[in-house]
């Protein structure tokens, strides 16, 4: 029942990421598609005729695509005498078109939620492994105090897209996390996504040999605010990076 509810809610939301690429108006997008499928560079008049645009409008959109790095302008290769005309060609990209990573994330979170025996523990374990991988390890024999460890942790979190706030000076400490980059998925799959983030923080702090650890993560105390609670690491688990 829960799985069906999750999928039903997804159908009411856009399936394509809103930031898939530069925003183009309808006419400019049509001009870009013409260049991509043409098979050879096109002149302004050819684009205008095929797109049903005025000559000056076609030139305006072509120049806009060049400025955006989506097309290139060059002189036509020709064997006959005379001044070569200016032609335009689409710039090759890894893949044209929109992305749907948000949908993929929702599908994978649903899979973990409903197939994995203990989704929370699985997410914690995966997060810890990724945290260890992403952490900046200290040099041999270097000892990291709590402040330095938290700075390394906030650097990793910032690289992921979080905005971190000021940390309390005394333990237990709280670390405010704003603008979760996975907010839409976390709202529907809190146990999985937030456990992944908690595990990641634990992994980073463990890898750098920090005297503190992430004890728990309090999600959505405000619409765009989560709070991580940091505490002293158990002395039996403070041997340093391994």
Protein backbone atom coordinates (compact mmCIF):
# COMPACT_ATOMS: atom_id res chain seq x y z
CA UNK A 1 0.00 0.00 0.00
CA UNK A 2 2.78 2.43 0.92
CA UNK A 3 4.62 1.71 -2.32
CA UNK A 4 1.54 2.49 -4.39
CA UNK A 5 1.05 5.74 -2.49
CA UNK A 6 4.61 6.84 -3.19
CA UNK A 7 4.32 6.17 -6.92
CA UNK A 8 0.93 7.90 -7.08
CA UNK A 9 2.41 11.02 -5.50
CA UNK A 10 5.32 10.98 -7.97
CA UNK A 11 2.88 11.09 -10.89
CA UNK A 12 1.66 14.50 -9.73
CA UNK A 13 5.17 15.96 -9.87
CA UNK A 14 7.41 16.78 -12.87
CA UNK A 15 9.44 13.78 -14.00
CA UNK A 16 12.20 15.91 -15.55
CA UNK A 17 14.73 17.86 -13.51
CA UNK A 18 14.10 21.59 -13.65
CA UNK A 19 17.82 22.37 -14.03
CA UNK A 20 18.51 19.99 -16.91
CA UNK A 21 20.22 22.68 -18.96
CA UNK A 22 20.04 26.33 -19.98
CA UNK A 23 16.50 27.63 -20.26
CA UNK A 24 15.54 28.27 -23.90
CA UNK A 25 12.41 29.80 -25.31
CA UNK A 26 10.29 27.80 -27.74
CA UNK A 27 11.69 29.42 -30.89
CA UNK A 28 15.31 29.23 -29.78
CA UNK A 29 14.91 25.60 -28.76
CA UNK A 30 13.42 24.88 -32.20
CA UNK A 31 16.39 26.55 -33.91
CA UNK A 32 18.82 24.51 -31.81
CA UNK A 33 17.02 21.29 -32.69
CA UNK A 34 17.22 22.19 -36.38
CA UNK A 35 20.98 22.59 -36.10
CA UNK A 36 21.30 19.27 -34.28
CA UNK A 37 19.42 17.23 -36.86
CA UNK A 38 20.60 19.05 -39.99
CA UNK A 39 23.65 16.88 -40.61
CA UNK A 40 25.59 19.89 -41.93
CA UNK A 41 26.00 23.53 -40.90
CA UNK A 42 23.13 25.84 -41.89
CA UNK A 43 23.03 29.44 -42.99
CA UNK A 44 20.69 32.03 -41.48
CA UNK A 45 18.28 31.89 -44.43
CA UNK A 46 18.01 28.10 -44.26
CA UNK A 47 17.27 28.23 -40.54
CA UNK A 48 14.68 30.97 -41.04
CA UNK A 49 12.87 29.00 -43.75
CA UNK A 50 12.87 25.71 -41.86
CA UNK A 51 11.84 27.27 -38.56
CA UNK A 52 9.27 29.63 -40.09
CA UNK A 53 10.98 32.70 -38.67
CA UNK A 54 11.86 36.13 -40.00
CA UNK A 55 15.47 36.35 -41.18
CA UNK A 56 16.45 38.80 -38.42
CA UNK A 57 14.69 36.69 -35.77
CA UNK A 58 16.55 33.58 -36.91
CA UNK A 59 19.85 35.47 -36.77
CA UNK A 60 19.00 36.72 -33.27
CA UNK A 61 18.38 33.20 -31.97
CA UNK A 62 21.46 31.80 -33.69
CA UNK A 63 23.67 34.46 -32.13
CA UNK A 64 22.06 33.74 -28.74
CA UNK A 65 22.89 30.05 -29.09
CA UNK A 66 26.49 30.93 -29.93
CA UNK A 67 26.74 33.14 -26.85
CA UNK A 68 25.32 30.32 -24.70
CA UNK A 69 27.93 27.89 -26.05
CA UNK A 70 25.30 25.69 -27.68
CA UNK A 71 26.22 26.53 -31.28
CA UNK A 72 29.24 27.72 -33.20
CA UNK A 73 29.54 30.24 -36.03
CA UNK A 74 32.05 29.70 -38.84
CA UNK A 75 32.73 30.35 -42.51
CA UNK A 76 31.35 27.72 -44.87
CA UNK A 77 33.81 25.38 -46.53
CA UNK A 78 33.46 25.86 -50.27
CA UNK A 79 35.53 25.17 -53.37
CA UNK A 80 34.07 27.75 -55.74
CA UNK A 81 35.31 31.36 -55.78
CA UNK A 82 33.53 34.08 -53.87
CA UNK A 83 33.10 35.10 -50.28
CA UNK A 84 32.02 32.11 -48.11
CA UNK A 85 28.80 32.59 -46.21
CA UNK A 86 28.51 32.34 -42.43
CA UNK A 87 26.98 29.08 -41.22
CA UNK A 88 25.99 27.70 -37.84
CA UNK A 89 26.32 24.26 -36.30
CA UNK A 90 25.25 22.80 -32.96
CA UNK A 91 28.06 22.18 -30.49
CA UNK A 92 28.45 18.51 -29.72
CA UNK A 93 27.54 17.61 -26.14
CA UNK A 94 27.71 14.38 -24.16
CA UNK A 95 23.95 14.08 -24.35
CA UNK A 96 21.34 16.52 -25.51
CA UNK A 97 18.01 16.68 -23.76
CA UNK A 98 16.65 16.76 -20.23
CA UNK A 99 17.71 14.76 -17.19
CA UNK A 100 15.54 12.90 -14.66
CA UNK A 101 17.92 12.23 -11.78
CA UNK A 102 15.27 13.24 -9.25
CA UNK A 103 12.95 10.55 -10.53
CA UNK A 104 15.79 8.01 -10.44
CA UNK A 105 16.58 8.99 -6.83
CA UNK A 106 12.92 8.58 -5.87
CA UNK A 107 12.73 5.17 -7.53
CA UNK A 108 15.90 3.93 -5.83
CA UNK A 109 14.77 5.28 -2.46
CA UNK A 110 11.46 3.48 -2.89
CA UNK A 111 13.34 0.29 -3.70
CA UNK A 112 15.45 0.57 -0.54
CA UNK A 113 12.41 1.48 1.55
CA UNK A 114 10.36 -1.53 0.49
CA UNK A 115 12.85 -4.24 -0.46
CA UNK A 116 15.83 -3.93 1.90
CA UNK A 117 15.09 -5.65 5.26
CA UNK A 118 16.35 -2.72 7.38
CA UNK A 119 16.41 0.42 5.19
CA UNK A 120 17.67 2.72 7.93
CA UNK A 121 20.66 0.57 8.87
CA UNK A 122 21.48 -0.07 5.21
CA UNK A 123 21.44 3.67 4.50
CA UNK A 124 23.59 4.40 7.57
CA UNK A 125 26.18 1.83 6.49
CA UNK A 126 26.27 3.12 2.89
CA UNK A 127 26.54 6.70 4.13
CA UNK A 128 29.47 5.83 6.38
CA UNK A 129 31.36 4.24 3.51
CA UNK A 130 30.81 7.29 1.31
CA UNK A 131 31.76 9.61 4.16
CA UNK A 132 35.07 7.79 4.56
CA UNK A 133 35.66 8.03 0.82
CA UNK A 134 34.90 11.77 0.65
CA UNK A 135 36.81 12.79 3.77
CA UNK A 136 40.11 14.63 3.60
CA UNK A 137 42.34 12.31 5.62
CA UNK A 138 44.89 13.84 7.97
CA UNK A 139 48.60 13.37 7.39
CA UNK A 140 50.36 10.51 9.19
CA UNK A 141 50.60 11.19 12.96
CA UNK A 142 48.48 14.34 12.59
CA UNK A 143 45.93 14.73 15.36
CA UNK A 144 42.66 16.43 14.49
CA UNK A 145 40.77 18.30 17.20
CA UNK A 146 37.00 18.77 17.19
CA UNK A 147 37.08 22.16 15.47
CA UNK A 148 39.33 20.99 12.64
CA UNK A 149 37.26 17.84 12.19
CA UNK A 150 34.02 19.82 11.99
CA UNK A 151 35.60 22.14 9.42
CA UNK A 152 36.45 19.12 7.26
CA UNK A 153 32.94 17.80 7.74
CA UNK A 154 31.31 21.09 6.72
CA UNK A 155 33.54 21.23 3.64
CA UNK A 156 32.20 17.85 2.50
CA UNK A 157 28.62 18.91 3.26
CA UNK A 158 29.08 22.17 1.35
CA UNK A 159 30.45 20.24 -1.63
CA UNK A 160 27.22 18.21 -1.58
CA UNK A 161 25.12 21.38 -1.63
CA UNK A 162 24.27 21.99 2.03
CA UNK A 163 24.60 25.38 3.68
CA UNK A 164 25.99 24.91 7.18
CA UNK A 165 25.51 27.24 10.12
CA UNK A 166 27.58 28.04 13.20
CA UNK A 167 28.44 25.14 15.49
CA UNK A 168 28.04 25.37 19.27
CA UNK A 169 31.31 25.78 21.15
CA UNK A 170 30.67 23.11 23.79
CA UNK A 171 29.58 19.49 23.56
CA UNK A 172 27.04 18.28 22.83
CA UNK A 173 27.09 20.51 19.74
CA UNK A 174 24.49 21.18 17.08
CA UNK A 175 25.31 21.74 13.42
CA UNK A 176 22.54 23.50 11.45
CA UNK A 177 22.12 22.22 7.89
CA UNK A 178 20.10 24.32 5.47
CA UNK A 179 18.98 23.82 1.88
CA UNK A 180 19.17 20.04 1.68
CA UNK A 181 20.10 19.23 -1.95
CA UNK A 182 17.87 16.13 -1.77
CA UNK A 183 14.93 17.78 -0.03
CA UNK A 184 12.16 16.56 -2.34
CA UNK A 185 13.28 12.95 -1.98
CA UNK A 186 14.02 13.29 1.75
CA UNK A 187 10.47 14.50 2.42
CA UNK A 188 9.05 11.27 1.00
CA UNK A 189 11.82 8.90 2.16
CA UNK A 190 13.10 10.49 5.36
CA UNK A 191 14.43 7.30 6.94
CA UNK A 192 16.51 6.41 3.90
CA UNK A 193 17.86 9.81 2.84
CA UNK A 194 18.41 11.29 6.30
CA UNK A 195 20.03 8.07 7.54
CA UNK A 196 22.32 8.23 4.51
CA UNK A 197 23.33 11.77 5.49
CA UNK A 198 23.82 10.82 9.14
CA UNK A 199 26.00 7.88 8.12
CA UNK A 200 27.98 10.13 5.80
CA UNK A 201 28.74 12.55 8.63
CA UNK A 202 29.80 9.67 10.86
CA UNK A 203 32.03 8.33 8.13
CA UNK A 204 33.80 11.65 7.59
CA UNK A 205 34.38 12.21 11.31
CA UNK A 206 35.59 8.64 11.79
CA UNK A 207 37.96 8.78 8.82
CA UNK A 208 39.69 11.93 10.11
CA UNK A 209 40.01 10.47 13.61
CA UNK A 210 37.78 13.13 15.14
CA UNK A 211 37.06 13.14 18.88
CA UNK A 212 33.40 13.79 18.02
CA UNK A 213 30.77 11.88 16.09
CA UNK A 214 27.34 12.60 14.64
CA UNK A 215 24.94 11.21 17.23
CA UNK A 216 21.67 11.93 15.46
CA UNK A 217 20.12 14.03 12.71
CA UNK A 218 16.91 15.94 13.32
CA UNK A 219 15.23 16.44 9.93
CA UNK A 220 13.06 19.39 8.93
CA UNK A 221 12.86 21.25 12.21
CA UNK A 222 11.98 24.06 9.81
CA UNK A 223 11.03 23.66 6.11
CA UNK A 224 14.66 24.20 5.00
CA UNK A 225 16.53 23.39 8.20
CA UNK A 226 17.83 20.11 9.62
CA UNK A 227 19.99 19.89 12.75
CA UNK A 228 22.84 17.43 13.31
CA UNK A 229 23.69 16.66 16.93
CA UNK A 230 27.40 16.04 17.60
CA UNK A 231 28.71 14.36 20.71
CA UNK A 232 32.03 13.13 22.08
CA UNK A 233 33.16 9.90 20.47
CA UNK A 234 33.31 6.85 22.68
CA UNK A 235 36.94 6.36 23.77
CA UNK A 236 36.85 2.75 22.53
CA UNK A 237 36.13 4.05 19.02
CA UNK A 238 38.65 6.91 18.92
CA UNK A 239 41.73 5.14 17.67
CA UNK A 240 42.04 7.52 14.72
CA UNK A 241 41.77 7.01 10.96
CA UNK A 242 42.12 3.49 9.72
